[in-house]
């Protein structure tokens, strides 16, 4: 989500460039939540990379029958023999101008989380697990040496901005993460959107590219789904098909 290593004081893990298109099908349990799906793809990208070996993933830290946390990934960088603890984050945020501080403006489409809350959680809890005394035996079991381990985050984000800011260049974030825009319910009007086709994917399918979808719905058909979601305080992610070559992604929010 950002490229500046000084931002938040966190080092971003760079995904291997030669694994942007994974070479094999990945079996995904149908009820697997979005974050866990992202972990499957990350692990497969590492396995197909010639730069890293996967030492361990999803290591739960349990002490006195209490789960203290979980380590996402431990990798070995082959060329340097460096051990890297990577925490993976995969988020969808919208940009809300009602907040004064720019970084405060990146919030979840349902307003349940924010970028800065996630950063605080990473720094105060997830990355601190490595240094807890309760972690020593778990690290030893997997032959991970604490003093030879570097911590990084792989913070992946899909960003949606107000329609008027689609061409705006944001200084602190990676602008290539901006995938679309967001609307209030009253802005999703028959006049502007009535001639197009739509689909509203369930959350596990949010990362999918719209052009891969086949069964599209009319404005009138999708409007019923949108109203239902908004009534239950759930933002609707929309895929819109303008023609055979033109697709858009946007959120309709309830707030």
Protein backbone atom coordinates (compact mmCIF):
# COMPACT_ATOMS: atom_id res chain seq x y z
CA UNK A 1 0.00 0.00 0.00
CA UNK A 2 3.01 2.26 0.42
CA UNK A 3 6.57 2.31 -0.89
CA UNK A 4 8.30 4.69 1.54
CA UNK A 5 10.14 2.59 4.11
CA UNK A 6 10.03 5.50 6.57
CA UNK A 7 6.23 5.54 6.60
CA UNK A 8 5.01 3.90 9.84
CA UNK A 9 8.57 2.68 10.51
CA UNK A 10 7.74 -0.64 8.80
CA UNK A 11 9.67 -2.39 6.05
CA UNK A 12 7.50 -3.67 3.21
CA UNK A 13 8.17 -7.17 1.92
CA UNK A 14 8.39 -7.14 -1.87
CA UNK A 15 6.50 -9.98 -3.49
CA UNK A 16 8.63 -11.97 -5.97
CA UNK A 17 8.18 -10.41 -9.42
CA UNK A 18 8.17 -13.72 -11.26
CA UNK A 19 5.02 -14.97 -9.52
CA UNK A 20 2.43 -12.40 -10.58
CA UNK A 21 0.67 -15.21 -12.48
CA UNK A 22 0.68 -18.41 -10.47
CA UNK A 23 1.40 -21.50 -12.50
CA UNK A 24 -1.03 -23.95 -10.99
CA UNK A 25 -4.56 -24.12 -9.68
CA UNK A 26 -4.91 -23.62 -5.94
CA UNK A 27 -7.62 -25.53 -4.12
CA UNK A 28 -9.58 -23.05 -2.02
CA UNK A 29 -12.19 -24.23 0.51
CA UNK A 30 -15.46 -22.47 -0.42
CA UNK A 31 -16.04 -20.95 3.03
CA UNK A 32 -12.48 -19.65 3.51
CA UNK A 33 -12.45 -15.98 4.53
CA UNK A 34 -10.74 -13.35 2.40
CA UNK A 35 -7.63 -12.96 4.57
CA UNK A 36 -6.97 -16.70 4.63
CA UNK A 37 -7.42 -16.86 0.85
CA UNK A 38 -4.73 -14.20 0.52
CA UNK A 39 -2.42 -16.33 2.66
CA UNK A 40 -2.90 -19.30 0.31
CA UNK A 41 -1.85 -17.22 -2.69
CA UNK A 42 1.08 -15.68 -0.80
CA UNK A 43 2.37 -19.11 0.22
CA UNK A 44 2.09 -20.39 -3.35
CA UNK A 45 3.94 -17.32 -4.66
CA UNK A 46 6.79 -18.05 -2.25
CA UNK A 47 6.89 -21.73 -3.25
CA UNK A 48 7.20 -20.77 -6.91
CA UNK A 49 9.86 -18.18 -6.21
CA UNK A 50 13.55 -18.89 -6.70
CA UNK A 51 14.45 -16.26 -4.08
CA UNK A 52 12.81 -17.67 -0.95
CA UNK A 53 12.14 -20.87 0.92
CA UNK A 54 9.06 -21.15 3.10
CA UNK A 55 10.14 -22.17 6.59
CA UNK A 56 6.76 -22.07 8.32
CA UNK A 57 3.33 -20.48 8.12
CA UNK A 58 0.40 -19.84 10.45
CA UNK A 59 2.32 -20.74 13.59
CA UNK A 60 -0.01 -20.35 16.57
CA UNK A 61 1.56 -19.23 19.83
CA UNK A 62 -0.27 -21.06 22.61
CA UNK A 63 0.62 -20.76 26.29
CA UNK A 64 -1.31 -22.36 29.16
CA UNK A 65 -4.07 -23.32 26.70
CA UNK A 66 -4.45 -19.69 25.70
CA UNK A 67 -3.73 -18.51 22.14
CA UNK A 68 -1.51 -15.43 22.38
CA UNK A 69 -1.32 -14.84 18.64
CA UNK A 70 -0.15 -16.25 15.33
CA UNK A 71 2.88 -15.76 13.12
CA UNK A 72 1.88 -15.55 9.45
CA UNK A 73 5.09 -16.59 7.66
CA UNK A 74 8.75 -17.30 8.23
CA UNK A 75 10.89 -17.25 5.08
CA UNK A 76 14.50 -17.84 4.22
CA UNK A 77 15.99 -15.49 1.63
CA UNK A 78 18.20 -17.89 -0.31
CA UNK A 79 20.92 -15.50 -1.52
CA UNK A 80 21.56 -13.96 1.91
CA UNK A 81 20.39 -16.81 4.17
CA UNK A 82 18.34 -14.17 5.99
CA UNK A 83 15.32 -15.31 8.00
CA UNK A 84 12.33 -13.02 7.53
CA UNK A 85 9.17 -12.97 9.60
CA UNK A 86 6.42 -11.60 7.33
CA UNK A 87 3.00 -10.45 8.51
CA UNK A 88 0.57 -10.41 5.59
CA UNK A 89 -2.26 -7.87 5.43
CA UNK A 90 -4.91 -7.81 2.70
CA UNK A 91 -7.40 -4.96 3.00
CA UNK A 92 -10.09 -3.01 1.20
CA UNK A 93 -10.28 0.68 2.14
CA UNK A 94 -12.29 3.67 1.01
CA UNK A 95 -11.06 7.26 1.29
CA UNK A 96 -13.35 9.39 3.50
CA UNK A 97 -12.73 13.12 3.28
CA UNK A 98 -14.58 13.76 6.55
CA UNK A 99 -11.38 13.08 8.51
CA UNK A 100 -8.81 15.85 8.85
CA UNK A 101 -5.63 13.75 8.73
CA UNK A 102 -5.07 12.14 5.33
CA UNK A 103 -3.95 8.78 6.70
CA UNK A 104 -7.03 8.71 8.98
CA UNK A 105 -9.18 8.82 5.86
CA UNK A 106 -8.46 5.25 4.77
CA UNK A 107 -11.23 3.22 6.42
CA UNK A 108 -12.98 -0.08 5.82
CA UNK A 109 -16.09 0.19 3.63
CA UNK A 110 -18.18 -0.83 6.65
CA UNK A 111 -16.28 1.52 9.00
CA UNK A 112 -15.21 -1.35 11.24
CA UNK A 113 -11.51 -0.85 10.74
CA UNK A 114 -9.03 1.73 9.54
CA UNK A 115 -5.52 1.77 8.13
CA UNK A 116 -4.07 3.40 11.25
CA UNK A 117 -5.79 0.94 13.60
CA UNK A 118 -4.29 -1.94 11.63
CA UNK A 119 -0.84 -0.34 11.72
CA UNK A 120 -1.13 0.07 15.48
CA UNK A 121 -2.18 -3.56 15.82
CA UNK A 122 0.78 -4.70 13.75
CA UNK A 123 3.30 -2.68 15.74
CA UNK A 124 1.90 -3.18 19.23
CA UNK A 125 0.88 -6.84 19.00
CA UNK A 126 1.63 -8.91 15.91
CA UNK A 127 5.27 -7.91 15.48
CA UNK A 128 5.88 -7.95 19.24
CA UNK A 129 4.98 -11.63 19.47
CA UNK A 130 8.42 -12.53 18.19
CA UNK A 131 10.06 -11.14 21.34
CA UNK A 132 7.75 -12.71 23.92
CA UNK A 133 9.41 -15.26 26.18
CA UNK A 134 6.56 -17.64 25.37
CA UNK A 135 7.74 -17.69 21.72
CA UNK A 136 11.19 -19.14 22.43
CA UNK A 137 10.24 -22.81 22.37
CA UNK A 138 8.10 -22.41 19.25
CA UNK A 139 10.94 -20.69 17.38
CA UNK A 140 13.42 -23.31 18.55
CA UNK A 141 11.11 -26.08 17.32
CA UNK A 142 11.29 -24.62 13.81
CA UNK A 143 15.02 -23.80 14.05
CA UNK A 144 14.37 -20.05 13.84
CA UNK A 145 17.06 -17.92 15.52
CA UNK A 146 15.62 -14.74 16.98
CA UNK A 147 18.79 -12.67 16.62
CA UNK A 148 19.01 -13.59 12.91
CA UNK A 149 15.39 -12.78 12.08
CA UNK A 150 14.19 -9.62 10.35
CA UNK A 151 10.57 -8.51 10.50
CA UNK A 152 8.67 -7.15 7.50
CA UNK A 153 5.05 -6.62 6.50
CA UNK A 154 3.39 -7.34 3.18
CA UNK A 155 0.56 -4.82 3.29
CA UNK A 156 -1.64 -5.31 0.23
CA UNK A 157 -4.61 -3.01 -0.27
CA UNK A 158 -7.42 -2.35 -2.71
CA UNK A 159 -8.31 1.33 -2.49
CA UNK A 160 -11.46 3.15 -3.53
CA UNK A 161 -11.72 6.94 -3.62
CA UNK A 162 -14.55 9.41 -4.24
CA UNK A 163 -15.30 9.52 -7.96
CA UNK A 164 -14.06 13.11 -8.16
CA UNK A 165 -10.59 11.98 -6.96
CA UNK A 166 -10.02 9.11 -9.39
CA UNK A 167 -7.23 11.01 -11.16
CA UNK A 168 -5.74 12.48 -7.98
CA UNK A 169 -2.19 11.48 -7.05
CA UNK A 170 -1.89 10.68 -3.36
CA UNK A 171 1.54 11.39 -1.88
CA UNK A 172 1.75 8.83 0.92
CA UNK A 173 0.31 5.72 -0.67
CA UNK A 174 0.99 3.61 -3.74
CA UNK A 175 -1.48 5.01 -6.28
CA UNK A 176 -1.50 1.77 -8.26
CA UNK A 177 -3.57 0.31 -5.39
CA UNK A 178 -6.52 2.53 -6.36
CA UNK A 179 -8.93 0.21 -8.17
CA UNK A 180 -12.12 2.22 -8.25
CA UNK A 181 -14.43 4.66 -6.52
CA UNK A 182 -17.24 4.70 -3.98
CA UNK A 183 -20.75 6.16 -3.89
CA UNK A 184 -23.56 6.91 -1.49
CA UNK A 185 -26.83 5.12 -2.20
CA UNK A 186 -28.51 8.18 -3.73
CA UNK A 187 -25.65 8.57 -6.22
CA UNK A 188 -26.33 5.13 -7.72
CA UNK A 189 -29.06 6.56 -9.92
CA UNK A 190 -31.07 5.18 -12.81
CA UNK A 191 -30.07 8.19 -14.92
CA UNK A 192 -26.34 7.55 -14.65
CA UNK A 193 -26.14 3.77 -14.23
CA UNK A 194 -29.38 2.37 -15.66
CA UNK A 195 -27.97 1.30 -19.03
CA UNK A 196 -25.17 -0.89 -17.67
CA UNK A 197 -24.92 -4.44 -16.30
CA UNK A 198 -23.82 -5.38 -12.78
CA UNK A 199 -22.79 -8.04 -10.32
CA UNK A 200 -22.20 -7.75 -6.57
CA UNK A 201 -19.69 -10.44 -5.49
CA UNK A 202 -19.58 -11.93 -2.02
CA UNK A 203 -16.60 -10.81 0.05
CA UNK A 204 -14.33 -13.84 -0.61
CA UNK A 205 -14.54 -12.98 -4.33
CA UNK A 206 -13.83 -9.26 -3.97
CA UNK A 207 -10.27 -9.55 -5.42
CA UNK A 208 -11.48 -11.18 -8.67
CA UNK A 209 -11.22 -9.15 -11.88
CA UNK A 210 -14.73 -8.21 -13.15
CA UNK A 211 -14.03 -9.28 -16.73
CA UNK A 212 -13.89 -12.91 -15.61
CA UNK A 213 -17.55 -12.84 -14.58
CA UNK A 214 -20.27 -14.07 -16.96
CA UNK A 215 -23.76 -13.79 -15.42
CA UNK A 216 -24.62 -10.11 -15.31
CA UNK A 217 -27.75 -8.37 -13.98
CA UNK A 218 -29.65 -5.28 -14.99
CA UNK A 219 -29.76 -2.10 -12.91
CA UNK A 220 -33.26 -2.97 -11.64
CA UNK A 221 -32.19 -6.49 -10.65
CA UNK A 222 -29.05 -5.44 -8.81
CA UNK A 223 -30.81 -2.58 -7.03
CA UNK A 224 -32.75 -5.08 -4.90
CA UNK A 225 -29.48 -6.70 -3.76
CA UNK A 226 -27.89 -3.34 -3.03
CA UNK A 227 -30.81 -2.14 -0.91
CA UNK A 228 -30.80 -5.39 1.09
CA UNK A 229 -27.09 -5.08 1.86
CA UNK A 230 -27.30 -1.41 2.79
CA UNK A 231 -30.28 -2.04 5.09
CA UNK A 232 -28.05 -4.50 6.97
CA UNK A 233 -25.21 -1.96 7.12
CA UNK A 234 -23.05 -3.82 4.63
CA UNK A 235 -21.35 -1.95 1.81
CA UNK A 236 -21.95 -3.42 -1.64
CA UNK A 237 -18.97 -3.96 -3.90
CA UNK A 238 -20.14 -3.57 -7.48
CA UNK A 239 -18.71 -4.84 -10.74
CA UNK A 240 -20.10 -2.84 -13.65
CA UNK A 241 -19.92 -3.91 -17.28
CA UNK A 242 -20.16 -0.96 -19.65
CA UNK A 243 -19.31 -2.97 -22.76
CA UNK A 244 -17.24 -6.03 -23.69
CA UNK A 245 -13.97 -4.20 -22.98
CA UNK A 246 -14.90 -1.74 -20.23
CA UNK A 247 -15.49 -2.65 -16.60
CA UNK A 248 -15.55 -0.63 -13.39
CA UNK A 249 -15.39 -1.48 -9.70
CA UNK A 250 -16.97 0.62 -6.97
CA UNK A 251 -18.51 0.44 -3.52
CA UNK A 252 -21.95 1.69 -2.56
CA UNK A 253 -21.81 2.50 1.15
CA UNK A 254 -24.62 2.59 3.72
CA UNK A 255 -23.29 5.41 5.90
